[in-house]
PDB file of N, CA and C in Angstrom:
ATOM      1  N   UNK A   1      78.456  87.504  86.701  1.00  0.00           N
ATOM      2  CA  UNK A   1      79.419  87.300  87.748  1.00  0.00           C
ATOM      3  C   UNK A   1      80.781  87.900  87.374  1.00  0.00           C
ATOM      4  N   UNK A   2      81.202  87.811  86.117  1.00  0.00           N
ATOM      5  CA  UNK A   2      82.474  88.371  85.689  1.00  0.00           C
ATOM      6  C   UNK A   2      82.514  89.878  85.914  1.00  0.00           C
ATOM      7  N   UNK A   3      81.412  90.532  85.717  1.00  0.00           N
ATOM      8  CA  UNK A   3      81.361  91.985  85.841  1.00  0.00           C
ATOM      9  C   UNK A   3      81.687  92.419  87.270  1.00  0.00           C
ATOM     10  N   UNK A   4      81.283  91.677  88.257  1.00  0.00           N
ATOM     11  CA  UNK A   4      81.542  92.022  89.649  1.00  0.00           C
ATOM     12  C   UNK A   4      82.964  91.645  90.049  1.00  0.00           C
ATOM     13  N   UNK A   5      83.434  90.494  89.631  1.00  0.00           N
ATOM     14  CA  UNK A   5      84.748  90.000  90.050  1.00  0.00           C
ATOM     15  C   UNK A   5      85.878  90.841  89.473  1.00  0.00           C
ATOM     16  N   UNK A   6      85.813  91.199  88.218  1.00  0.00           N
ATOM     17  CA  UNK A   6      86.903  91.943  87.584  1.00  0.00           C
ATOM     18  C   UNK A   6      87.134  93.284  88.273  1.00  0.00           C
ATOM     19  N   UNK A   7      86.110  94.135  88.489  1.00  0.00           N
ATOM     20  CA  UNK A   7      86.368  95.393  89.198  1.00  0.00           C
ATOM     21  C   UNK A   7      86.877  95.169  90.624  1.00  0.00           C
ATOM     22  N   UNK A   8      86.368  94.144  91.297  1.00  0.00           N
ATOM     23  CA  UNK A   8      86.818  93.848  92.648  1.00  0.00           C
ATOM     24  C   UNK A   8      88.313  93.510  92.661  1.00  0.00           C
ATOM     25  N   UNK A   9      88.750  92.691  91.712  1.00  0.00           N
ATOM     26  CA  UNK A   9      90.161  92.328  91.635  1.00  0.00           C
ATOM     27  C   UNK A   9      91.031  93.535  91.298  1.00  0.00           C
ATOM     28  N   UNK A  10      90.548  94.403  90.441  1.00  0.00           N
ATOM     29  CA  UNK A  10      91.310  95.602  90.090  1.00  0.00           C
ATOM     30  C   UNK A  10      91.493  96.494  91.319  1.00  0.00           C
ATOM     31  N   UNK A  11      90.439  96.678  92.079  1.00  0.00           N
ATOM     32  CA  UNK A  11      90.520  97.500  93.288  1.00  0.00           C
ATOM     33  C   UNK A  11      91.463  96.849  94.300  1.00  0.00           C
ATOM     34  N   UNK A  12      91.376  95.548  94.461  1.00  0.00           N
ATOM     35  CA  UNK A  12      92.249  94.838  95.392  1.00  0.00           C
ATOM     36  C   UNK A  12      93.719  95.003  94.999  1.00  0.00           C
ATOM     37  N   UNK A  13      94.018  94.923  93.728  1.00  0.00           N
ATOM     38  CA  UNK A  13      95.394  95.091  93.270  1.00  0.00           C
ATOM     39  C   UNK A  13      95.888  96.518  93.492  1.00  0.00           C
ATOM     40  N   UNK A  14      95.045  97.500  93.271  1.00  0.00           N
ATOM     41  CA  UNK A  14      95.437  98.889  93.475  1.00  0.00           C
ATOM     42  C   UNK A  14      95.688  99.199  94.944  1.00  0.00           C
ATOM     43  N   UNK A  15      94.949  98.570  95.824  1.00  0.00           N
ATOM     44  CA  UNK A  15      95.066  98.865  97.241  1.00  0.00           C
ATOM     45  C   UNK A  15      96.195  98.122  97.942  1.00  0.00           C
ATOM     46  N   UNK A  16      96.885  97.248  97.254  1.00  0.00           N
ATOM     47  CA  UNK A  16      97.950  96.487  97.909  1.00  0.00           C
ATOM     48  C   UNK A  16      99.054  97.378  98.442  1.00  0.00           C
ATOM     49  N   UNK A  17      99.224  98.547  97.911  1.00  0.00           N
ATOM     50  CA  UNK A  17     100.244  99.460  98.405  1.00  0.00           C
ATOM     51  C   UNK A  17      99.770 100.321  99.550  1.00  0.00           C
ATOM     52  N   UNK A  18      98.576 100.106 100.067  1.00  0.00           N
ATOM     53  CA  UNK A  18      97.988 100.966 101.093  1.00  0.00           C
ATOM     54  C   UNK A  18      98.168 100.450 102.508  1.00  0.00           C
ATOM     55  N   UNK A  19      99.037  99.515 102.734  1.00  0.00           N
ATOM     56  CA  UNK A  19      99.267  99.016 104.073  1.00  0.00           C
ATOM     57  C   UNK A  19     100.061 100.061 104.834  1.00  0.00           C
ATOM     58  N   UNK A  20      99.576 100.438 106.003  1.00  0.00           N
ATOM     59  CA  UNK A  20     100.255 101.474 106.771  1.00  0.00           C
ATOM     60  C   UNK A  20     100.866 100.898 108.037  1.00  0.00           C
ATOM     61  N   UNK A  21     101.938 101.533 108.476  1.00  0.00           N
ATOM     62  CA  UNK A  21     102.590 101.193 109.727  1.00  0.00           C
ATOM     63  C   UNK A  21     101.895 101.989 110.815  1.00  0.00           C
ATOM     64  N   UNK A  22     101.506 101.310 111.887  1.00  0.00           N
ATOM     65  CA  UNK A  22     100.853 101.994 113.010  1.00  0.00           C
ATOM     66  C   UNK A  22     101.893 102.648 113.898  1.00  0.00           C
ATOM     67  N   UNK A  23     101.583 103.830 114.361  1.00  0.00           N
ATOM     68  CA  UNK A  23     102.450 104.535 115.291  1.00  0.00           C
ATOM     69  C   UNK A  23     102.049 104.123 116.705  1.00  0.00           C
ATOM     70  N   UNK A  24     103.001 103.592 117.459  1.00  0.00           N
ATOM     71  CA  UNK A  24     102.718 103.161 118.833  1.00  0.00           C
ATOM     72  C   UNK A  24     102.492 104.388 119.718  1.00  0.00           C
ATOM     73  N   UNK A  25     101.849 104.204 120.877  1.00  0.00           N
ATOM     74  CA  UNK A  25     101.679 105.337 121.794  1.00  0.00           C
ATOM     75  C   UNK A  25     103.031 105.955 122.188  1.00  0.00           C
ATOM     76  N   UNK A  26     104.036 105.111 122.403  1.00  0.00           N
ATOM     77  CA  UNK A  26     105.370 105.609 122.753  1.00  0.00           C
ATOM     78  C   UNK A  26     106.008 106.312 121.556  1.00  0.00           C
ATOM     79  N   UNK A  27     105.823 105.739 120.367  1.00  0.00           N
ATOM     80  CA  UNK A  27     106.370 106.334 119.151  1.00  0.00           C
ATOM     81  C   UNK A  27     105.792 107.710 118.861  1.00  0.00           C
ATOM     82  N   UNK A  28     104.546 107.926 119.263  1.00  0.00           N
ATOM     83  CA  UNK A  28     103.914 109.229 119.020  1.00  0.00           C
ATOM     84  C   UNK A  28     104.559 110.338 119.844  1.00  0.00           C
ATOM     85  N   UNK A  29     105.318 109.963 120.863  1.00  0.00           N
ATOM     86  CA  UNK A  29     105.993 110.956 121.706  1.00  0.00           C
ATOM     87  C   UNK A  29     107.396 111.295 121.210  1.00  0.00           C
ATOM     88  N   UNK A  30     107.875 110.562 120.202  1.00  0.00           N
ATOM     89  CA  UNK A  30     109.225 110.788 119.669  1.00  0.00           C
ATOM     90  C   UNK A  30     109.204 111.935 118.671  1.00  0.00           C
ATOM     91  N   UNK A  31     110.098 112.878 118.870  1.00  0.00           N
ATOM     92  CA  UNK A  31     110.202 114.057 118.008  1.00  0.00           C
ATOM     93  C   UNK A  31     111.250 113.796 116.934  1.00  0.00           C
ATOM     94  N   UNK A  32     110.968 114.207 115.711  1.00  0.00           N
ATOM     95  CA  UNK A  32     111.914 114.099 114.594  1.00  0.00           C
ATOM     96  C   UNK A  32     112.468 115.477 114.283  1.00  0.00           C
ATOM     97  N   UNK A  33     113.759 115.532 114.001  1.00  0.00           N
ATOM     98  CA  UNK A  33     114.375 116.805 113.645  1.00  0.00           C
ATOM     99  C   UNK A  33     115.499 116.583 112.642  1.00  0.00           C
ATOM    100  N   UNK A  34     115.745 117.580 111.818  1.00  0.00           N
ATOM    101  CA  UNK A  34     116.904 117.547 110.928  1.00  0.00           C
ATOM    102  C   UNK A  34     117.954 118.555 111.403  1.00  0.00           C
ATOM    103  N   UNK A  35     117.673 119.225 112.512  1.00  0.00           N
ATOM    104  CA  UNK A  35     118.565 120.241 113.068  1.00  0.00           C
ATOM    105  C   UNK A  35     119.473 119.610 114.133  1.00  0.00           C
ATOM    106  N   UNK A  36     120.775 119.501 113.876  1.00  0.00           N
ATOM    107  CA  UNK A  36     121.680 118.875 114.850  1.00  0.00           C
ATOM    108  C   UNK A  36     121.777 119.634 116.167  1.00  0.00           C
ATOM    109  N   UNK A  37     121.474 120.935 116.176  1.00  0.00           N
ATOM    110  CA  UNK A  37     121.531 121.714 117.411  1.00  0.00           C
ATOM    111  C   UNK A  37     120.498 121.235 118.434  1.00  0.00           C
ATOM    112  N   UNK A  38     119.398 120.666 117.961  1.00  0.00           N
ATOM    113  CA  UNK A  38     118.343 120.198 118.861  1.00  0.00           C
ATOM    114  C   UNK A  38     118.846 119.081 119.775  1.00  0.00           C
ATOM    115  N   UNK A  39     119.758 118.239 119.283  1.00  0.00           N
ATOM    116  CA  UNK A  39     120.238 117.088 120.062  1.00  0.00           C
ATOM    117  C   UNK A  39     121.634 117.309 120.662  1.00  0.00           C
ATOM    118  N   UNK A  40     122.128 118.520 120.591  1.00  0.00           N
ATOM    119  CA  UNK A  40     123.489 118.822 121.049  1.00  0.00           C
ATOM    120  C   UNK A  40     123.719 118.432 122.517  1.00  0.00           C
ATOM    121  N   UNK A  41     122.753 118.658 123.384  1.00  0.00           N
ATOM    122  CA  UNK A  41     122.910 118.376 124.816  1.00  0.00           C
ATOM    123  C   UNK A  41     122.143 117.132 125.249  1.00  0.00           C
ATOM    124  N   UNK A  42     121.865 116.240 124.309  1.00  0.00           N
ATOM    125  CA  UNK A  42     121.104 115.021 124.593  1.00  0.00           C
ATOM    126  C   UNK A  42     122.041 113.827 124.691  1.00  0.00           C
ATOM    127  N   UNK A  43     121.519 112.725 125.226  1.00  0.00           N
ATOM    128  CA  UNK A  43     122.298 111.489 125.334  1.00  0.00           C
ATOM    129  C   UNK A  43     122.039 110.613 124.120  1.00  0.00           C
ATOM    130  N   UNK A  44     123.117 110.233 123.452  1.00  0.00           N
ATOM    131  CA  UNK A  44     123.010 109.368 122.276  1.00  0.00           C
ATOM    132  C   UNK A  44     122.570 107.978 122.711  1.00  0.00           C
ATOM    133  N   UNK A  45     121.568 107.418 122.005  1.00  0.00           N
ATOM    134  CA  UNK A  45     121.052 106.088 122.319  1.00  0.00           C
ATOM    135  C   UNK A  45     121.478 105.072 121.257  1.00  0.00           C
ATOM    136  N   UNK A  46     121.394 105.437 119.975  1.00  0.00           N
ATOM    137  CA  UNK A  46     121.794 104.520 118.915  1.00  0.00           C
ATOM    138  C   UNK A  46     121.238 104.911 117.557  1.00  0.00           C
ATOM    139  N   UNK A  47     121.596 104.119 116.558  1.00  0.00           N
ATOM    140  CA  UNK A  47     121.134 104.331 115.183  1.00  0.00           C
ATOM    141  C   UNK A  47     119.748 103.721 115.011  1.00  0.00           C
ATOM    142  N   UNK A  48     118.913 104.377 114.221  1.00  0.00           N
ATOM    143  CA  UNK A  48     117.595 103.835 113.867  1.00  0.00           C
ATOM    144  C   UNK A  48     117.381 103.987 112.367  1.00  0.00           C
ATOM    145  N   UNK A  49     116.613 103.058 111.821  1.00  0.00           N
ATOM    146  CA  UNK A  49     116.317 103.084 110.396  1.00  0.00           C
ATOM    147  C   UNK A  49     114.857 102.723 110.188  1.00  0.00           C
ATOM    148  N   UNK A  50     114.224 103.402 109.266  1.00  0.00           N
ATOM    149  CA  UNK A  50     112.855 103.091 108.880  1.00  0.00           C
ATOM    150  C   UNK A  50     112.775 102.966 107.371  1.00  0.00           C
ATOM    151  N   UNK A  51     112.101 101.928 106.889  1.00  0.00           N
ATOM    152  CA  UNK A  51     111.961 101.727 105.446  1.00  0.00           C
ATOM    153  C   UNK A  51     110.542 101.297 105.109  1.00  0.00           C
ATOM    154  N   UNK A  52     110.148 101.586 103.898  1.00  0.00           N
ATOM    155  CA  UNK A  52     108.891 101.085 103.354  1.00  0.00           C
ATOM    156  C   UNK A  52     109.050 101.033 101.840  1.00  0.00           C
ATOM    157  N   UNK A  53     108.487 100.008 101.246  1.00  0.00           N
ATOM    158  CA  UNK A  53     108.604  99.827  99.808  1.00  0.00           C
ATOM    159  C   UNK A  53     107.326 100.246  99.113  1.00  0.00           C
ATOM    160  N   UNK A  54     107.484 100.995  98.050  1.00  0.00           N
ATOM    161  CA  UNK A  54     106.372 101.441  97.228  1.00  0.00           C
ATOM    162  C   UNK A  54     105.951 100.293  96.330  1.00  0.00           C
ATOM    163  N   UNK A  55     104.696  99.855  96.477  1.00  0.00           N
ATOM    164  CA  UNK A  55     104.204  98.706  95.713  1.00  0.00           C
ATOM    165  C   UNK A  55     103.394  99.097  94.484  1.00  0.00           C
ATOM    166  N   UNK A  56     103.343 100.352  94.158  1.00  0.00           N
ATOM    167  CA  UNK A  56     102.611 100.781  92.976  1.00  0.00           C
ATOM    168  C   UNK A  56     101.122 100.960  93.205  1.00  0.00           C
ATOM    169  N   UNK A  57     100.680 100.845  94.430  1.00  0.00           N
ATOM    170  CA  UNK A  57      99.263 101.011  94.729  1.00  0.00           C
ATOM    171  C   UNK A  57      98.888 102.471  94.859  1.00  0.00           C
ATOM    172  N   UNK A  58      97.690 102.714  95.348  1.00  0.00           N
ATOM    173  CA  UNK A  58      97.202 104.076  95.499  1.00  0.00           C
ATOM    174  C   UNK A  58      97.958 104.848  96.579  1.00  0.00           C
ATOM    175  N   UNK A  59      98.624 104.127  97.474  1.00  0.00           N
ATOM    176  CA  UNK A  59      99.315 104.780  98.588  1.00  0.00           C
ATOM    177  C   UNK A  59     100.420 105.701  98.100  1.00  0.00           C
ATOM    178  N   UNK A  60     101.185 105.266  97.112  1.00  0.00           N
ATOM    179  CA  UNK A  60     102.212 106.101  96.507  1.00  0.00           C
ATOM    180  C   UNK A  60     103.418 106.335  97.378  1.00  0.00           C
ATOM    181  N   UNK A  61     104.282 107.189  96.884  1.00  0.00           N
ATOM    182  CA  UNK A  61     105.553 107.460  97.546  1.00  0.00           C
ATOM    183  C   UNK A  61     105.360 108.206  98.857  1.00  0.00           C
ATOM    184  N   UNK A  62     104.385 109.091  98.923  1.00  0.00           N
ATOM    185  CA  UNK A  62     104.132 109.843 100.161  1.00  0.00           C
ATOM    186  C   UNK A  62     103.798 108.924 101.318  1.00  0.00           C
ATOM    187  N   UNK A  63     102.994 107.898 101.051  1.00  0.00           N
ATOM    188  CA  UNK A  63     102.641 106.940 102.097  1.00  0.00           C
ATOM    189  C   UNK A  63     103.852 106.116 102.500  1.00  0.00           C
ATOM    190  N   UNK A  64     104.717 105.780 101.551  1.00  0.00           N
ATOM    191  CA  UNK A  64     105.932 105.026 101.871  1.00  0.00           C
ATOM    192  C   UNK A  64     106.812 105.838 102.811  1.00  0.00           C
ATOM    193  N   UNK A  65     106.933 107.130 102.572  1.00  0.00           N
ATOM    194  CA  UNK A  65     107.736 107.984 103.445  1.00  0.00           C
ATOM    195  C   UNK A  65     107.099 108.093 104.830  1.00  0.00           C
ATOM    196  N   UNK A  66     105.785 108.253 104.881  1.00  0.00           N
ATOM    197  CA  UNK A  66     105.085 108.317 106.170  1.00  0.00           C
ATOM    198  C   UNK A  66     105.278 107.033 106.966  1.00  0.00           C
ATOM    199  N   UNK A  67     105.179 105.883 106.296  1.00  0.00           N
ATOM    200  CA  UNK A  67     105.389 104.601 106.976  1.00  0.00           C
ATOM    201  C   UNK A  67     106.813 104.492 107.525  1.00  0.00           C
ATOM    202  N   UNK A  68     107.797 104.934 106.739  1.00  0.00           N
ATOM    203  CA  UNK A  68     109.186 104.892 107.193  1.00  0.00           C
ATOM    204  C   UNK A  68     109.381 105.809 108.401  1.00  0.00           C
ATOM    205  N   UNK A  69     108.720 106.959 108.414  1.00  0.00           N
ATOM    206  CA  UNK A  69     108.791 107.888 109.552  1.00  0.00           C
ATOM    207  C   UNK A  69     108.181 107.260 110.799  1.00  0.00           C
ATOM    208  N   UNK A  70     107.030 106.609 110.644  1.00  0.00           N
ATOM    209  CA  UNK A  70     106.400 105.953 111.786  1.00  0.00           C
ATOM    210  C   UNK A  70     107.288 104.834 112.323  1.00  0.00           C
ATOM    211  N   UNK A  71     107.891 104.074 111.409  1.00  0.00           N
ATOM    212  CA  UNK A  71     108.758 102.972 111.823  1.00  0.00           C
ATOM    213  C   UNK A  71     109.957 103.493 112.612  1.00  0.00           C
ATOM    214  N   UNK A  72     110.570 104.574 112.145  1.00  0.00           N
ATOM    215  CA  UNK A  72     111.744 105.110 112.833  1.00  0.00           C
ATOM    216  C   UNK A  72     111.361 105.652 114.210  1.00  0.00           C
ATOM    217  N   UNK A  73     110.186 106.250 114.331  1.00  0.00           N
ATOM    218  CA  UNK A  73     109.729 106.750 115.641  1.00  0.00           C
ATOM    219  C   UNK A  73     109.448 105.596 116.596  1.00  0.00           C
ATOM    220  N   UNK A  74     108.821 104.534 116.101  1.00  0.00           N
ATOM    221  CA  UNK A  74     108.545 103.363 116.940  1.00  0.00           C
ATOM    222  C   UNK A  74     109.841 102.707 117.416  1.00  0.00           C
ATOM    223  N   UNK A  75     110.803 102.568 116.508  1.00  0.00           N
ATOM    224  CA  UNK A  75     112.081 101.934 116.877  1.00  0.00           C
ATOM    225  C   UNK A  75     112.842 102.776 117.902  1.00  0.00           C
ATOM    226  N   UNK A  76     112.836 104.090 117.726  1.00  0.00           N
ATOM    227  CA  UNK A  76     113.510 104.964 118.687  1.00  0.00           C
ATOM    228  C   UNK A  76     112.848 104.847 120.062  1.00  0.00           C
ATOM    229  N   UNK A  77     111.537 104.809 120.093  1.00  0.00           N
ATOM    230  CA  UNK A  77     110.819 104.665 121.364  1.00  0.00           C
ATOM    231  C   UNK A  77     111.161 103.341 122.029  1.00  0.00           C
ATOM    232  N   UNK A  78     111.264 102.277 121.247  1.00  0.00           N
ATOM    233  CA  UNK A  78     111.620 100.962 121.794  1.00  0.00           C
ATOM    234  C   UNK A  78     113.010 100.977 122.435  1.00  0.00           C
ATOM    235  N   UNK A  79     113.875 101.871 121.953  1.00  0.00           N
ATOM    236  CA  UNK A  79     115.232 101.993 122.492  1.00  0.00           C
ATOM    237  C   UNK A  79     115.286 102.935 123.702  1.00  0.00           C
ATOM    238  N   UNK A  80     114.174 103.579 124.007  1.00  0.00           N
ATOM    239  CA  UNK A  80     114.137 104.515 125.126  1.00  0.00           C
ATOM    240  C   UNK A  80     114.443 105.951 124.739  1.00  0.00           C
ATOM    241  N   UNK A  81     114.491 106.252 123.456  1.00  0.00           N
ATOM    242  CA  UNK A  81     114.787 107.611 122.975  1.00  0.00           C
ATOM    243  C   UNK A  81     113.496 108.416 122.836  1.00  0.00           C
ATOM    244  N   UNK A  82     113.645 109.734 122.856  1.00  0.00           N
ATOM    245  CA  UNK A  82     112.485 110.599 122.644  1.00  0.00           C
ATOM    246  C   UNK A  82     112.693 111.593 121.502  1.00  0.00           C
ATOM    247  N   UNK A  83     113.860 111.550 120.875  1.00  0.00           N
ATOM    248  CA  UNK A  83     114.163 112.452 119.756  1.00  0.00           C
ATOM    249  C   UNK A  83     115.024 111.703 118.742  1.00  0.00           C
ATOM    250  N   UNK A  84     114.744 111.942 117.449  1.00  0.00           N
ATOM    251  CA  UNK A  84     115.565 111.361 116.383  1.00  0.00           C
ATOM    252  C   UNK A  84     116.063 112.489 115.495  1.00  0.00           C
ATOM    253  N   UNK A  85     117.382 112.521 115.340  1.00  0.00           N
ATOM    254  CA  UNK A  85     117.994 113.441 114.380  1.00  0.00           C
ATOM    255  C   UNK A  85     118.077 112.686 113.055  1.00  0.00           C
ATOM    256  N   UNK A  86     117.326 113.148 112.042  1.00  0.00           N
ATOM    257  CA  UNK A  86     117.318 112.511 110.729  1.00  0.00           C
ATOM    258  C   UNK A  86     118.645 112.813 110.038  1.00  0.00           C
ATOM    259  N   UNK A  87     119.363 111.744 109.666  1.00  0.00           N
ATOM    260  CA  UNK A  87     120.668 111.893 109.020  1.00  0.00           C
ATOM    261  C   UNK A  87     120.517 111.809 107.505  1.00  0.00           C
ATOM    262  N   UNK A  88     119.786 110.796 107.029  1.00  0.00           N
ATOM    263  CA  UNK A  88     119.531 110.674 105.595  1.00  0.00           C
ATOM    264  C   UNK A  88     118.072 110.288 105.371  1.00  0.00           C
ATOM    265  N   UNK A  89     117.551 110.784 104.266  1.00  0.00           N
ATOM    266  CA  UNK A  89     116.171 110.455 103.881  1.00  0.00           C
ATOM    267  C   UNK A  89     116.143 110.331 102.374  1.00  0.00           C
ATOM    268  N   UNK A  90     115.660 109.182 101.899  1.00  0.00           N
ATOM    269  CA  UNK A  90     115.615 108.931 100.467  1.00  0.00           C
ATOM    270  C   UNK A  90     114.262 108.334 100.098  1.00  0.00           C
ATOM    271  N   UNK A  91     113.567 108.989  99.188  1.00  0.00           N
ATOM    272  CA  UNK A  91     112.287 108.484  98.696  1.00  0.00           C
ATOM    273  C   UNK A  91     112.326 108.498  97.183  1.00  0.00           C
ATOM    274  N   UNK A  92     111.997 107.355  96.597  1.00  0.00           N
ATOM    275  CA  UNK A  92     112.007 107.242  95.141  1.00  0.00           C
ATOM    276  C   UNK A  92     110.942 106.281  94.674  1.00  0.00           C
ATOM    277  N   UNK A  93     111.094 105.809  93.469  1.00  0.00           N
ATOM    278  CA  UNK A  93     110.082 104.935  92.873  1.00  0.00           C
ATOM    279  C   UNK A  93     110.008 103.569  93.545  1.00  0.00           C
ATOM    280  N   UNK A  94     111.053 103.156  94.251  1.00  0.00           N
ATOM    281  CA  UNK A  94     111.026 101.839  94.901  1.00  0.00           C
ATOM    282  C   UNK A  94     110.615 101.916  96.360  1.00  0.00           C
ATOM    283  N   UNK A  95     110.549 103.107  96.941  1.00  0.00           N
ATOM    284  CA  UNK A  95     110.133 103.235  98.330  1.00  0.00           C
ATOM    285  C   UNK A  95     110.855 104.351  99.047  1.00  0.00           C
ATOM    286  N   UNK A  96     110.901 104.228 100.372  1.00  0.00           N
ATOM    287  CA  UNK A  96     111.495 105.262 101.195  1.00  0.00           C
ATOM    288  C   UNK A  96     112.380 104.631 102.258  1.00  0.00           C
ATOM    289  N   UNK A  97     113.532 105.241 102.520  1.00  0.00           N
ATOM    290  CA  UNK A  97     114.444 104.796 103.567  1.00  0.00           C
ATOM    291  C   UNK A  97     114.917 106.017 104.340  1.00  0.00           C
ATOM    292  N   UNK A  98     114.848 105.919 105.657  1.00  0.00           N
ATOM    293  CA  UNK A  98     115.259 107.016 106.515  1.00  0.00           C
ATOM    294  C   UNK A  98     116.216 106.462 107.574  1.00  0.00           C
ATOM    295  N   UNK A  99     117.325 107.152 107.779  1.00  0.00           N
ATOM    296  CA  UNK A  99     118.286 106.751 108.796  1.00  0.00           C
ATOM    297  C   UNK A  99     118.483 107.919 109.744  1.00  0.00           C
ATOM    298  N   UNK A 100     118.516 107.602 111.029  1.00  0.00           N
ATOM    299  CA  UNK A 100     118.677 108.652 112.003  1.00  0.00           C
ATOM    300  C   UNK A 100     119.443 108.206 113.229  1.00  0.00           C
ATOM    301  N   UNK A 101     119.701 109.158 114.098  1.00  0.00           N
ATOM    302  CA  UNK A 101     120.362 108.909 115.371  1.00  0.00           C
ATOM    303  C   UNK A 101     119.352 109.204 116.475  1.00  0.00           C
ATOM    304  N   UNK A 102     119.147 108.211 117.340  1.00  0.00           N
ATOM    305  CA  UNK A 102     118.177 108.345 118.431  1.00  0.00           C
ATOM    306  C   UNK A 102     118.850 108.925 119.657  1.00  0.00           C
ATOM    307  N   UNK A 103     118.163 109.845 120.342  1.00  0.00           N
ATOM    308  CA  UNK A 103     118.682 110.516 121.526  1.00  0.00           C
ATOM    309  C   UNK A 103     117.631 110.571 122.620  1.00  0.00           C
ATOM    310  N   UNK A 104     118.116 110.641 123.835  1.00  0.00           N
ATOM    311  CA  UNK A 104     117.263 110.928 124.978  1.00  0.00           C
ATOM    312  C   UNK A 104     117.517 112.373 125.376  1.00  0.00           C
ATOM    313  N   UNK A 105     116.505 113.199 125.262  1.00  0.00           N
ATOM    314  CA  UNK A 105     116.636 114.622 125.567  1.00  0.00           C
ATOM    315  C   UNK A 105     115.717 114.985 126.734  1.00  0.00           C
ATOM    316  N   UNK A 106     116.160 115.970 127.522  1.00  0.00           N
ATOM    317  CA  UNK A 106     115.326 116.407 128.643  1.00  0.00           C
ATOM    318  C   UNK A 106     114.530 117.621 128.267  1.00  0.00           C
TER     319      UNK A 106
END
């Protein structure tokens, strides 16, 4: 019995960092850009932030950044925006944080 439980617990601990943020249908329509010219003629809606913490699992830093991107797109969609100008993006050993400005563009 020990032989089965120990590997199972090890796998469970490794996978704890694999929780992903789901992208909503509305969030999937939100465009991300780092180019300020893209939002020049758009209506400013507000600030948005997306974060995810790296838990040391198999997901890693790349997954933390992806989760933060999905979160920022979902939040912008909830505000009625369709474009986010990324202002700052930071990914490190503790996770990922992204801050942006949400806009409504035609």
